[in-house]
Amino acid sequence: MQYRFETKEECVRLRLRQGAIVRCAGGRLWITFEARGSAVASPDLQLATGQCLRIEIDADYFVASLDVGVSSRCIVDLSRERAGWFQLALRRLCAPASFLIQDATSATSLRGCSSA
């Protein structure tokens, strides 16, 4: 799953987990983070067009355009993000329903019915 956004003068807050990737798709981005309950220093990072940052620490990340008055584009890829306990719990709860839907679809397909 990917999210795309533009930032100009506002700072965008993203809550990211290990494995997510932040990519600069245009302009230059300034990124810093704030890890809760951690003594890790928050470095200021800069990304130019085409560069990316792989998230190593679960934290709140702050992203803004580095150049005043210029929009910068950002893509956040969550496809490799490590799932938290809440996401894992949702997957466990939703899995039985998806299997039931799949079974019902297979049964109607065998009878010659099709879904809309």
PDB file of N, CA and C in Angstrom:
ATOM      1  N   MET A   1       0.840  -1.157   0.000  1.00  0.00           N
ATOM      2  CA  MET A   1       0.000   0.000   0.000  1.00  0.00           C
ATOM      3  C   MET A   1       0.900   1.239   0.000  1.00  0.00           C
ATOM      4  N   GLN A   2       0.581   2.169  -0.893  1.00  0.00           N
ATOM      5  CA  GLN A   2       1.370   3.394  -0.993  1.00  0.00           C
ATOM      6  C   GLN A   2       0.491   4.621  -0.789  1.00  0.00           C
ATOM      7  N   TYR A   3       1.054   5.625  -0.148  1.00  0.00           N
ATOM      8  CA  TYR A   3       0.402   6.911   0.019  1.00  0.00           C
ATOM      9  C   TYR A   3       1.265   7.964  -0.649  1.00  0.00           C
ATOM     10  N   ARG A   4       0.620   8.869  -1.369  1.00  0.00           N
ATOM     11  CA  ARG A   4       1.330   9.964  -2.035  1.00  0.00           C
ATOM     12  C   ARG A   4       0.776  11.275  -1.514  1.00  0.00           C
ATOM     13  N   PHE A   5       1.659  12.234  -1.275  1.00  0.00           N
ATOM     14  CA  PHE A   5       1.200  13.557  -0.868  1.00  0.00           C
ATOM     15  C   PHE A   5       2.241  14.596  -1.247  1.00  0.00           C
ATOM     16  N   GLU A   6       1.797  15.852  -1.252  1.00  0.00           N
ATOM     17  CA  GLU A   6       2.687  16.985  -1.488  1.00  0.00           C
ATOM     18  C   GLU A   6       2.742  17.814  -0.225  1.00  0.00           C
ATOM     19  N   THR A   7       3.889  18.385   0.035  1.00  0.00           N
ATOM     20  CA  THR A   7       4.047  19.274   1.176  1.00  0.00           C
ATOM     21  C   THR A   7       4.769  20.526   0.702  1.00  0.00           C
ATOM     22  N   LYS A   8       4.353  21.660   1.233  1.00  0.00           N
ATOM     23  CA  LYS A   8       4.997  22.907   0.846  1.00  0.00           C
ATOM     24  C   LYS A   8       5.612  23.534   2.088  1.00  0.00           C
ATOM     25  N   GLU A   9       4.807  24.195   2.869  1.00  0.00           N
ATOM     26  CA  GLU A   9       5.328  24.838   4.074  1.00  0.00           C
ATOM     27  C   GLU A   9       4.848  24.147   5.342  1.00  0.00           C
ATOM     28  N   GLU A  10       3.874  23.235   5.203  1.00  0.00           N
ATOM     29  CA  GLU A  10       3.361  22.537   6.365  1.00  0.00           C
ATOM     30  C   GLU A  10       4.190  21.277   6.634  1.00  0.00           C
ATOM     31  N   CYS A  11       4.206  20.890   7.880  1.00  0.00           N
ATOM     32  CA  CYS A  11       4.921  19.685   8.292  1.00  0.00           C
ATOM     33  C   CYS A  11       3.890  18.565   8.443  1.00  0.00           C
ATOM     34  N   VAL A  12       4.140  17.432   7.816  1.00  0.00           N
ATOM     35  CA  VAL A  12       3.223  16.293   7.861  1.00  0.00           C
ATOM     36  C   VAL A  12       3.748  15.272   8.862  1.00  0.00           C
ATOM     37  N   ARG A  13       2.882  14.848   9.766  1.00  0.00           N
ATOM     38  CA  ARG A  13       3.262  13.849  10.778  1.00  0.00           C
ATOM     39  C   ARG A  13       2.811  12.473  10.307  1.00  0.00           C
ATOM     40  N   LEU A  14       3.733  11.512  10.311  1.00  0.00           N
ATOM     41  CA  LEU A  14       3.449  10.139   9.914  1.00  0.00           C
ATOM     42  C   LEU A  14       3.863   9.201  11.036  1.00  0.00           C
ATOM     43  N   ARG A  15       2.993   8.313  11.431  1.00  0.00           N
ATOM     44  CA  ARG A  15       3.352   7.288  12.419  1.00  0.00           C
ATOM     45  C   ARG A  15       3.752   6.051  11.631  1.00  0.00           C
ATOM     46  N   LEU A  16       5.058   5.762  11.597  1.00  0.00           N
ATOM     47  CA  LEU A  16       5.584   4.687  10.758  1.00  0.00           C
ATOM     48  C   LEU A  16       6.246   3.601  11.595  1.00  0.00           C
ATOM     49  N   ARG A  17       6.213   2.391  11.055  1.00  0.00           N
ATOM     50  CA  ARG A  17       6.842   1.235  11.693  1.00  0.00           C
ATOM     51  C   ARG A  17       8.027   0.770  10.856  1.00  0.00           C
ATOM     52  N   GLN A  18       8.861  -0.016  11.489  1.00  0.00           N
ATOM     53  CA  GLN A  18      10.049  -0.567  10.835  1.00  0.00           C
ATOM     54  C   GLN A  18       9.657  -1.252   9.533  1.00  0.00           C
ATOM     55  N   GLY A  19      10.420  -0.969   8.474  1.00  0.00           N
ATOM     56  CA  GLY A  19      10.190  -1.580   7.178  1.00  0.00           C
ATOM     57  C   GLY A  19       9.526  -0.661   6.169  1.00  0.00           C
ATOM     58  N   ALA A  20       8.824   0.364   6.644  1.00  0.00           N
ATOM     59  CA  ALA A  20       8.198   1.322   5.716  1.00  0.00           C
ATOM     60  C   ALA A  20       9.296   2.078   4.961  1.00  0.00           C
ATOM     61  N   ILE A  21       8.950   2.605   3.791  1.00  0.00           N
ATOM     62  CA  ILE A  21       9.919   3.348   2.982  1.00  0.00           C
ATOM     63  C   ILE A  21       9.318   4.701   2.626  1.00  0.00           C
ATOM     64  N   VAL A  22      10.100   5.769   2.857  1.00  0.00           N
ATOM     65  CA  VAL A  22       9.708   7.126   2.473  1.00  0.00           C
ATOM     66  C   VAL A  22      10.581   7.514   1.289  1.00  0.00           C
ATOM     67  N   ARG A  23       9.924   7.885   0.159  1.00  0.00           N
ATOM     68  CA  ARG A  23      10.652   8.222  -1.067  1.00  0.00           C
ATOM     69  C   ARG A  23      10.311   9.639  -1.492  1.00  0.00           C
ATOM     70  N   CYS A  24      11.329  10.387  -1.880  1.00  0.00           N
ATOM     71  CA  CYS A  24      11.141  11.735  -2.410  1.00  0.00           C
ATOM     72  C   CYS A  24      10.879  11.620  -3.911  1.00  0.00           C
ATOM     73  N   ALA A  25       9.676  12.041  -4.349  1.00  0.00           N
ATOM     74  CA  ALA A  25       9.302  11.932  -5.757  1.00  0.00           C
ATOM     75  C   ALA A  25       9.436  13.261  -6.497  1.00  0.00           C
ATOM     76  N   GLY A  26       9.827  14.297  -5.796  1.00  0.00           N
ATOM     77  CA  GLY A  26      10.001  15.599  -6.426  1.00  0.00           C
ATOM     78  C   GLY A  26      10.374  16.647  -5.405  1.00  0.00           C
ATOM     79  N   GLY A  27      11.309  17.509  -5.743  1.00  0.00           N
ATOM     80  CA  GLY A  27      11.763  18.524  -4.796  1.00  0.00           C
ATOM     81  C   GLY A  27      12.756  17.950  -3.806  1.00  0.00           C
ATOM     82  N   ARG A  28      12.792  18.546  -2.615  1.00  0.00           N
ATOM     83  CA  ARG A  28      13.665  18.050  -1.540  1.00  0.00           C
ATOM     84  C   ARG A  28      12.866  17.991  -0.251  1.00  0.00           C
ATOM     85  N   LEU A  29      13.032  16.905   0.504  1.00  0.00           N
ATOM     86  CA  LEU A  29      12.300  16.692   1.746  1.00  0.00           C
ATOM     87  C   LEU A  29      13.206  16.795   2.953  1.00  0.00           C
ATOM     88  N   TRP A  30      12.669  17.337   4.040  1.00  0.00           N
ATOM     89  CA  TRP A  30      13.322  17.349   5.348  1.00  0.00           C
ATOM     90  C   TRP A  30      12.545  16.374   6.211  1.00  0.00           C
ATOM     91  N   ILE A  31      13.252  15.469   6.880  1.00  0.00           N
ATOM     92  CA  ILE A  31      12.608  14.444   7.711  1.00  0.00           C
ATOM     93  C   ILE A  31      13.314  14.376   9.062  1.00  0.00           C
ATOM     94  N   THR A  32      12.526  14.297  10.120  1.00  0.00           N
ATOM     95  CA  THR A  32      13.058  13.998  11.451  1.00  0.00           C
ATOM     96  C   THR A  32      12.053  13.077  12.128  1.00  0.00           C
ATOM     97  N   PHE A  33      12.435  12.476  13.249  1.00  0.00           N
ATOM     98  CA  PHE A  33      11.502  11.577  13.929  1.00  0.00           C
ATOM     99  C   PHE A  33      11.587  11.752  15.435  1.00  0.00           C
ATOM    100  N   GLU A  34      10.555  11.255  16.091  1.00  0.00           N
ATOM    101  CA  GLU A  34      10.458  11.319  17.544  1.00  0.00           C
ATOM    102  C   GLU A  34      10.004   9.949  18.031  1.00  0.00           C
ATOM    103  N   ALA A  35      10.934   9.189  18.580  1.00  0.00           N
ATOM    104  CA  ALA A  35      10.629   7.851  19.089  1.00  0.00           C
ATOM    105  C   ALA A  35      10.164   7.961  20.527  1.00  0.00           C
ATOM    106  N   ARG A  36       9.025   7.375  20.818  1.00  0.00           N
ATOM    107  CA  ARG A  36       8.478   7.438  22.176  1.00  0.00           C
ATOM    108  C   ARG A  36       9.257   6.533  23.113  1.00  0.00           C
ATOM    109  N   GLY A  37       9.584   7.059  24.287  1.00  0.00           N
ATOM    110  CA  GLY A  37      10.264   6.270  25.300  1.00  0.00           C
ATOM    111  C   GLY A  37      11.638   5.780  24.889  1.00  0.00           C
ATOM    112  N   SER A  38      12.299   6.507  23.994  1.00  0.00           N
ATOM    113  CA  SER A  38      13.607   6.081  23.519  1.00  0.00           C
ATOM    114  C   SER A  38      14.618   7.198  23.711  1.00  0.00           C
ATOM    115  N   ALA A  39      15.838   6.794  23.953  1.00  0.00           N
ATOM    116  CA  ALA A  39      16.917   7.767  24.119  1.00  0.00           C
ATOM    117  C   ALA A  39      17.631   8.032  22.799  1.00  0.00           C
ATOM    118  N   VAL A  40      17.059   7.548  21.700  1.00  0.00           N
ATOM    119  CA  VAL A  40      17.666   7.720  20.381  1.00  0.00           C
ATOM    120  C   VAL A  40      17.548   9.174  19.951  1.00  0.00           C
ATOM    121  N   ALA A  41      18.645   9.745  19.509  1.00  0.00           N
ATOM    122  CA  ALA A  41      18.634  11.128  19.028  1.00  0.00           C
ATOM    123  C   ALA A  41      17.841  11.215  17.731  1.00  0.00           C
ATOM    124  N   SER A  42      17.189  12.352  17.526  1.00  0.00           N
ATOM    125  CA  SER A  42      16.400  12.565  16.312  1.00  0.00           C
ATOM    126  C   SER A  42      17.217  13.341  15.289  1.00  0.00           C
ATOM    127  N   PRO A  43      17.805  12.643  14.340  1.00  0.00           N
ATOM    128  CA  PRO A  43      18.599  13.358  13.339  1.00  0.00           C
ATOM    129  C   PRO A  43      17.709  14.043  12.310  1.00  0.00           C
ATOM    130  N   ASP A  44      18.205  15.117  11.733  1.00  0.00           N
ATOM    131  CA  ASP A  44      17.528  15.763  10.613  1.00  0.00           C
ATOM    132  C   ASP A  44      18.084  15.136   9.344  1.00  0.00           C
ATOM    133  N   LEU A  45      17.190  14.649   8.491  1.00  0.00           N
ATOM    134  CA  LEU A  45      17.593  14.000   7.248  1.00  0.00           C
ATOM    135  C   LEU A  45      17.071  14.807   6.068  1.00  0.00           C
ATOM    136  N   GLN A  46      17.786  14.748   4.964  1.00  0.00           N
ATOM    137  CA  GLN A  46      17.360  15.412   3.741  1.00  0.00           C
ATOM    138  C   GLN A  46      17.331  14.393   2.620  1.00  0.00           C
ATOM    139  N   LEU A  47      16.242  14.427   1.838  1.00  0.00           N
ATOM    140  CA  LEU A  47      16.124  13.557   0.676  1.00  0.00           C
ATOM    141  C   LEU A  47      15.914  14.411  -0.564  1.00  0.00           C
ATOM    142  N   ALA A  48      16.677  14.125  -1.608  1.00  0.00           N
ATOM    143  CA  ALA A  48      16.491  14.769  -2.903  1.00  0.00           C
ATOM    144  C   ALA A  48      15.644  13.846  -3.773  1.00  0.00           C
ATOM    145  N   THR A  49      15.184  14.344  -4.892  1.00  0.00           N
ATOM    146  CA  THR A  49      14.349  13.553  -5.804  1.00  0.00           C
ATOM    147  C   THR A  49      15.022  12.220  -6.133  1.00  0.00           C
ATOM    148  N   GLY A  50      14.259  11.129  -5.942  1.00  0.00           N
ATOM    149  CA  GLY A  50      14.758   9.788  -6.231  1.00  0.00           C
ATOM    150  C   GLY A  50      15.356   9.074  -5.032  1.00  0.00           C
ATOM    151  N   GLN A  51      15.683   9.795  -3.972  1.00  0.00           N
ATOM    152  CA  GLN A  51      16.263   9.160  -2.786  1.00  0.00           C
ATOM    153  C   GLN A  51      15.155   8.645  -1.877  1.00  0.00           C
ATOM    154  N   CYS A  52      15.506   7.634  -1.055  1.00  0.00           N
ATOM    155  CA  CYS A  52      14.517   7.098  -0.136  1.00  0.00           C
ATOM    156  C   CYS A  52      15.146   6.788   1.216  1.00  0.00           C
ATOM    157  N   LEU A  53      14.277   6.649   2.197  1.00  0.00           N
ATOM    158  CA  LEU A  53      14.675   6.329   3.560  1.00  0.00           C
ATOM    159  C   LEU A  53      13.903   5.103   3.997  1.00  0.00           C
ATOM    160  N   ARG A  54      14.621   4.044   4.404  1.00  0.00           N
ATOM    161  CA  ARG A  54      13.973   2.847   4.949  1.00  0.00           C
ATOM    162  C   ARG A  54      13.870   3.038   6.460  1.00  0.00           C
ATOM    163  N   ILE A  55      12.673   2.914   6.986  1.00  0.00           N
ATOM    164  CA  ILE A  55      12.420   3.150   8.408  1.00  0.00           C
ATOM    165  C   ILE A  55      12.958   1.984   9.233  1.00  0.00           C
ATOM    166  N   GLU A  56      13.802   2.314  10.204  1.00  0.00           N
ATOM    167  CA  GLU A  56      14.404   1.302  11.074  1.00  0.00           C
ATOM    168  C   GLU A  56      13.846   1.339  12.500  1.00  0.00           C
ATOM    169  N   ILE A  57      13.204   2.468  12.873  1.00  0.00           N
ATOM    170  CA  ILE A  57      12.707   2.652  14.237  1.00  0.00           C
ATOM    171  C   ILE A  57      11.238   3.037  14.175  1.00  0.00           C
ATOM    172  N   ASP A  58      10.378   2.348  14.942  1.00  0.00           N
ATOM    173  CA  ASP A  58       8.975   2.730  15.052  1.00  0.00           C
ATOM    174  C   ASP A  58       8.911   4.093  15.734  1.00  0.00           C
ATOM    175  N   ALA A  59       8.298   5.071  15.075  1.00  0.00           N
ATOM    176  CA  ALA A  59       8.269   6.425  15.631  1.00  0.00           C
ATOM    177  C   ALA A  59       7.300   7.296  14.852  1.00  0.00           C
ATOM    178  N   ASP A  60       7.129   8.516  15.349  1.00  0.00           N
ATOM    179  CA  ASP A  60       6.413   9.560  14.615  1.00  0.00           C
ATOM    180  C   ASP A  60       7.450  10.289  13.778  1.00  0.00           C
ATOM    181  N   TYR A  61       7.223  10.328  12.462  1.00  0.00           N
ATOM    182  CA  TYR A  61       8.144  10.998  11.543  1.00  0.00           C
ATOM    183  C   TYR A  61       7.489  12.282  11.054  1.00  0.00           C
ATOM    184  N   PHE A  62       8.288  13.332  10.921  1.00  0.00           N
ATOM    185  CA  PHE A  62       7.810  14.629  10.477  1.00  0.00           C
ATOM    186  C   PHE A  62       8.484  14.959   9.156  1.00  0.00           C
ATOM    187  N   VAL A  63       7.657  15.241   8.133  1.00  0.00           N
ATOM    188  CA  VAL A  63       8.149  15.453   6.770  1.00  0.00           C
ATOM    189  C   VAL A  63       7.683  16.825   6.293  1.00  0.00           C
ATOM    190  N   ALA A  64       8.596  17.587   5.697  1.00  0.00           N
ATOM    191  CA  ALA A  64       8.266  18.894   5.133  1.00  0.00           C
ATOM    192  C   ALA A  64       9.159  19.156   3.932  1.00  0.00           C
ATOM    193  N   SER A  65       8.750  20.131   3.123  1.00  0.00           N
ATOM    194  CA  SER A  65       9.577  20.550   1.995  1.00  0.00           C
ATOM    195  C   SER A  65      10.782  21.307   2.543  1.00  0.00           C
ATOM    196  N   LEU A  66      11.934  21.025   2.002  1.00  0.00           N
ATOM    197  CA  LEU A  66      13.162  21.669   2.465  1.00  0.00           C
ATOM    198  C   LEU A  66      13.294  23.082   1.913  1.00  0.00           C
ATOM    199  N   ASP A  67      12.721  23.324   0.746  1.00  0.00           N
ATOM    200  CA  ASP A  67      12.836  24.626   0.095  1.00  0.00           C
ATOM    201  C   ASP A  67      11.601  25.477   0.383  1.00  0.00           C
ATOM    202  N   VAL A  68      11.792  26.685   0.851  1.00  0.00           N
ATOM    203  CA  VAL A  68      10.701  27.585   1.185  1.00  0.00           C
ATOM    204  C   VAL A  68       9.929  27.960  -0.078  1.00  0.00           C
ATOM    205  N   GLY A  69       8.600  27.815  -0.029  1.00  0.00           N
ATOM    206  CA  GLY A  69       7.749  28.190  -1.142  1.00  0.00           C
ATOM    207  C   GLY A  69       7.700  27.193  -2.284  1.00  0.00           C
ATOM    208  N   VAL A  70       8.344  26.058  -2.150  1.00  0.00           N
ATOM    209  CA  VAL A  70       8.376  25.044  -3.206  1.00  0.00           C
ATOM    210  C   VAL A  70       7.710  23.769  -2.702  1.00  0.00           C
ATOM    211  N   SER A  71       6.803  23.201  -3.504  1.00  0.00           N
ATOM    212  CA  SER A  71       6.157  21.937  -3.132  1.00  0.00           C
ATOM    213  C   SER A  71       7.104  20.769  -3.383  1.00  0.00           C
ATOM    214  N   SER A  72       7.074  19.822  -2.479  1.00  0.00           N
ATOM    215  CA  SER A  72       7.835  18.581  -2.635  1.00  0.00           C
ATOM    216  C   SER A  72       6.852  17.429  -2.578  1.00  0.00           C
ATOM    217  N   ARG A  73       7.112  16.392  -3.377  1.00  0.00           N
ATOM    218  CA  ARG A  73       6.238  15.223  -3.423  1.00  0.00           C
ATOM    219  C   ARG A  73       6.873  14.060  -2.681  1.00  0.00           C
ATOM    220  N   CYS A  74       6.031  13.315  -1.983  1.00  0.00           N
ATOM    221  CA  CYS A  74       6.506  12.211  -1.162  1.00  0.00           C
ATOM    222  C   CYS A  74       5.640  10.983  -1.413  1.00  0.00           C
ATOM    223  N   ILE A  75       6.279   9.816  -1.434  1.00  0.00           N
ATOM    224  CA  ILE A  75       5.579   8.531  -1.525  1.00  0.00           C
ATOM    225  C   ILE A  75       5.988   7.715  -0.298  1.00  0.00           C
ATOM    226  N   VAL A  76       4.996   7.218   0.434  1.00  0.00           N
ATOM    227  CA  VAL A  76       5.251   6.369   1.596  1.00  0.00           C
ATOM    228  C   VAL A  76       4.760   4.973   1.254  1.00  0.00           C
ATOM    229  N   ASP A  77       5.677   4.005   1.227  1.00  0.00           N
ATOM    230  CA  ASP A  77       5.364   2.616   0.898  1.00  0.00           C
ATOM    231  C   ASP A  77       5.274   1.815   2.194  1.00  0.00           C
ATOM    232  N   LEU A  78       4.075   1.309   2.481  1.00  0.00           N
ATOM    233  CA  LEU A  78       3.855   0.547   3.716  1.00  0.00           C
ATOM    234  C   LEU A  78       3.821  -0.961   3.480  1.00  0.00           C
ATOM    235  N   SER A  79       4.117  -1.397   2.255  1.00  0.00           N
ATOM    236  CA  SER A  79       3.988  -2.820   1.932  1.00  0.00           C
ATOM    237  C   SER A  79       4.958  -3.705   2.703  1.00  0.00           C
ATOM    238  N   ARG A  80       6.072  -3.168   3.144  1.00  0.00           N
ATOM    239  CA  ARG A  80       7.047  -3.974   3.904  1.00  0.00           C
ATOM    240  C   ARG A  80       7.085  -3.595   5.383  1.00  0.00           C
ATOM    241  N   GLU A  81       6.119  -2.790   5.793  1.00  0.00           N
ATOM    242  CA  GLU A  81       6.075  -2.349   7.183  1.00  0.00           C
ATOM    243  C   GLU A  81       5.753  -3.526   8.094  1.00  0.00           C
ATOM    244  N   ARG A  82       6.462  -3.595   9.208  1.00  0.00           N
ATOM    245  CA  ARG A  82       6.216  -4.655  10.195  1.00  0.00           C
ATOM    246  C   ARG A  82       4.873  -4.384  10.870  1.00  0.00           C
ATOM    247  N   ALA A  83       4.015  -5.377  10.882  1.00  0.00           N
ATOM    248  CA  ALA A  83       2.686  -5.205  11.461  1.00  0.00           C
ATOM    249  C   ALA A  83       2.770  -5.132  12.983  1.00  0.00           C
ATOM    250  N   GLY A  84       1.989  -4.259  13.555  1.00  0.00           N
ATOM    251  CA  GLY A  84       1.896  -4.134  15.007  1.00  0.00           C
ATOM    252  C   GLY A  84       0.868  -5.114  15.559  1.00  0.00           C
ATOM    253  N   TRP A  85       0.700  -5.136  16.861  1.00  0.00           N
ATOM    254  CA  TRP A  85      -0.209  -6.083  17.494  1.00  0.00           C
ATOM    255  C   TRP A  85      -1.649  -5.857  17.045  1.00  0.00           C
ATOM    256  N   PHE A  86      -2.044  -4.604  16.816  1.00  0.00           N
ATOM    257  CA  PHE A  86      -3.414  -4.309  16.415  1.00  0.00           C
ATOM    258  C   PHE A  86      -3.704  -4.850  15.010  1.00  0.00           C
ATOM    259  N   GLN A  87      -2.757  -4.650  14.083  1.00  0.00           N
ATOM    260  CA  GLN A  87      -2.934  -5.156  12.719  1.00  0.00           C
ATOM    261  C   GLN A  87      -2.991  -6.675  12.711  1.00  0.00           C
ATOM    262  N   LEU A  88      -2.143  -7.318  13.514  1.00  0.00           N
ATOM    263  CA  LEU A  88      -2.156  -8.780  13.574  1.00  0.00           C
ATOM    264  C   LEU A  88      -3.481  -9.296  14.139  1.00  0.00           C
ATOM    265  N   ALA A  89      -4.012  -8.611  15.159  1.00  0.00           N
ATOM    266  CA  ALA A  89      -5.296  -9.013  15.749  1.00  0.00           C
ATOM    267  C   ALA A  89      -6.421  -8.874  14.724  1.00  0.00           C
ATOM    268  N   LEU A  90      -6.416  -7.788  13.958  1.00  0.00           N
ATOM    269  CA  LEU A  90      -7.438  -7.603  12.927  1.00  0.00           C
ATOM    270  C   LEU A  90      -7.354  -8.687  11.863  1.00  0.00           C
ATOM    271  N   ARG A  91      -6.152  -9.050  11.480  1.00  0.00           N
ATOM    272  CA  ARG A  91      -6.000 -10.105  10.475  1.00  0.00           C
ATOM    273  C   ARG A  91      -6.570 -11.421  10.975  1.00  0.00           C
ATOM    274  N   ARG A  92      -6.345 -11.729  12.262  1.00  0.00           N
ATOM    275  CA  ARG A  92      -6.867 -12.973  12.829  1.00  0.00           C
ATOM    276  C   ARG A  92      -8.389 -12.957  12.882  1.00  0.00           C
ATOM    277  N   LEU A  93      -8.969 -11.801  13.228  1.00  0.00           N
ATOM    278  CA  LEU A  93     -10.419 -11.701  13.315  1.00  0.00           C
ATOM    279  C   LEU A  93     -11.075 -11.730  11.942  1.00  0.00           C
ATOM    280  N   CYS A  94     -10.442 -11.115  10.960  1.00  0.00           N
ATOM    281  CA  CYS A  94     -11.038 -11.006   9.627  1.00  0.00           C
ATOM    282  C   CYS A  94     -10.789 -12.227   8.759  1.00  0.00           C
ATOM    283  N   ALA A  95      -9.795 -13.015   9.071  1.00  0.00           N
ATOM    284  CA  ALA A  95      -9.462 -14.175   8.240  1.00  0.00           C
ATOM    285  C   ALA A  95     -10.622 -15.150   8.110  1.00  0.00           C
ATOM    286  N   PRO A  96     -11.328 -15.528   9.191  1.00  0.00           N
ATOM    287  CA  PRO A  96     -12.423 -16.483   9.021  1.00  0.00           C
ATOM    288  C   PRO A  96     -13.501 -15.966   8.063  1.00  0.00           C
ATOM    289  N   ALA A  97     -13.817 -14.672   8.131  1.00  0.00           N
ATOM    290  CA  ALA A  97     -14.841 -14.107   7.240  1.00  0.00           C
ATOM    291  C   ALA A  97     -14.391 -14.193   5.790  1.00  0.00           C
ATOM    292  N   SER A  98     -13.128 -13.910   5.534  1.00  0.00           N
ATOM    293  CA  SER A  98     -12.656 -13.967   4.149  1.00  0.00           C
ATOM    294  C   SER A  98     -12.677 -15.395   3.626  1.00  0.00           C
ATOM    295  N   PHE A  99     -12.386 -16.361   4.488  1.00  0.00           N
ATOM    296  CA  PHE A  99     -12.468 -17.756   4.056  1.00  0.00           C
ATOM    297  C   PHE A  99     -13.912 -18.162   3.760  1.00  0.00           C
ATOM    298  N   LEU A 100     -14.867 -17.669   4.571  1.00  0.00           N
ATOM    299  CA  LEU A 100     -16.278 -17.972   4.329  1.00  0.00           C
ATOM    300  C   LEU A 100     -16.739 -17.375   3.005  1.00  0.00           C
ATOM    301  N   ILE A 101     -16.327 -16.162   2.721  1.00  0.00           N
ATOM    302  CA  ILE A 101     -16.695 -15.519   1.460  1.00  0.00           C
ATOM    303  C   ILE A 101     -16.101 -16.287   0.286  1.00  0.00           C
ATOM    304  N   GLN A 102     -14.845 -16.693   0.427  1.00  0.00           N
ATOM    305  CA  GLN A 102     -14.190 -17.452  -0.641  1.00  0.00           C
ATOM    306  C   GLN A 102     -14.915 -18.774  -0.867  1.00  0.00           C
ATOM    307  N   ASP A 103     -15.293 -19.469   0.216  1.00  0.00           N
ATOM    308  CA  ASP A 103     -16.011 -20.737   0.090  1.00  0.00           C
ATOM    309  C   ASP A 103     -17.368 -20.539  -0.572  1.00  0.00           C
ATOM    310  N   ALA A 104     -18.084 -19.485  -0.206  1.00  0.00           N
ATOM    311  CA  ALA A 104     -19.400 -19.214  -0.794  1.00  0.00           C
ATOM    312  C   ALA A 104     -19.264 -18.892  -2.269  1.00  0.00           C
ATOM    313  N   THR A 105     -18.245 -18.135  -2.634  1.00  0.00           N
ATOM    314  CA  THR A 105     -18.006 -17.791  -4.036  1.00  0.00           C
ATOM    315  C   THR A 105     -17.701 -19.049  -4.845  1.00  0.00           C
ATOM    316  N   SER A 106     -16.873 -19.929  -4.276  1.00  0.00           N
ATOM    317  CA  SER A 106     -16.542 -21.184  -4.970  1.00  0.00           C
ATOM    318  C   SER A 106     -17.779 -22.042  -5.161  1.00  0.00           C
ATOM    319  N   ALA A 107     -18.639 -22.089  -4.136  1.00  0.00           N
ATOM    320  CA  ALA A 107     -19.843 -22.922  -4.215  1.00  0.00           C
ATOM    321  C   ALA A 107     -20.789 -22.410  -5.290  1.00  0.00           C
ATOM    322  N   THR A 108     -20.986 -21.081  -5.359  1.00  0.00           N
ATOM    323  CA  THR A 108     -21.895 -20.543  -6.392  1.00  0.00           C
ATOM    324  C   THR A 108     -21.288 -20.683  -7.776  1.00  0.00           C
ATOM    325  N   SER A 109     -19.975 -20.606  -7.894  1.00  0.00           N
ATOM    326  CA  SER A 109     -19.330 -20.791  -9.195  1.00  0.00           C
ATOM    327  C   SER A 109     -19.525 -22.214  -9.695  1.00  0.00           C
ATOM    328  N   LEU A 110     -19.492 -23.166  -8.797  1.00  0.00           N
ATOM    329  CA  LEU A 110     -19.680 -24.553  -9.195  1.00  0.00           C
ATOM    330  C   LEU A 110     -21.106 -24.814  -9.678  1.00  0.00           C
ATOM    331  N   ARG A 111     -22.095 -24.022  -9.177  1.00  0.00           N
ATOM    332  CA  ARG A 111     -23.485 -24.194  -9.582  1.00  0.00           C
ATOM    333  C   ARG A 111     -23.795 -23.401 -10.844  1.00  0.00           C
ATOM    334  N   GLY A 112     -22.816 -22.720 -11.406  1.00  0.00           N
ATOM    335  CA  GLY A 112     -23.039 -21.966 -12.631  1.00  0.00           C
ATOM    336  C   GLY A 112     -23.453 -20.530 -12.400  1.00  0.00           C
ATOM    337  N   CYS A 113     -23.376 -20.049 -11.159  1.00  0.00           N
ATOM    338  CA  CYS A 113     -23.731 -18.667 -10.858  1.00  0.00           C
ATOM    339  C   CYS A 113     -22.481 -17.799 -10.941  1.00  0.00           C
ATOM    340  N   SER A 114     -22.681 -16.524 -11.187  1.00  0.00           N
ATOM    341  CA  SER A 114     -21.533 -15.604 -11.195  1.00  0.00           C
ATOM    342  C   SER A 114     -21.841 -14.434 -10.299  1.00  0.00           C
ATOM    343  N   SER A 115     -20.820 -13.820  -9.763  1.00  0.00           N
ATOM    344  CA  SER A 115     -21.012 -12.661  -8.908  1.00  0.00           C
ATOM    345  C   SER A 115     -21.072 -11.398  -9.743  1.00  0.00           C
ATOM    346  N   ALA A 116     -21.744 -10.387  -9.215  1.00  0.00           N
ATOM    347  CA  ALA A 116     -21.884  -9.115  -9.944  1.00  0.00           C
ATOM    348  C   ALA A 116     -20.604  -8.337  -9.930  1.00  0.00           C
TER     349      ALA A 116
END
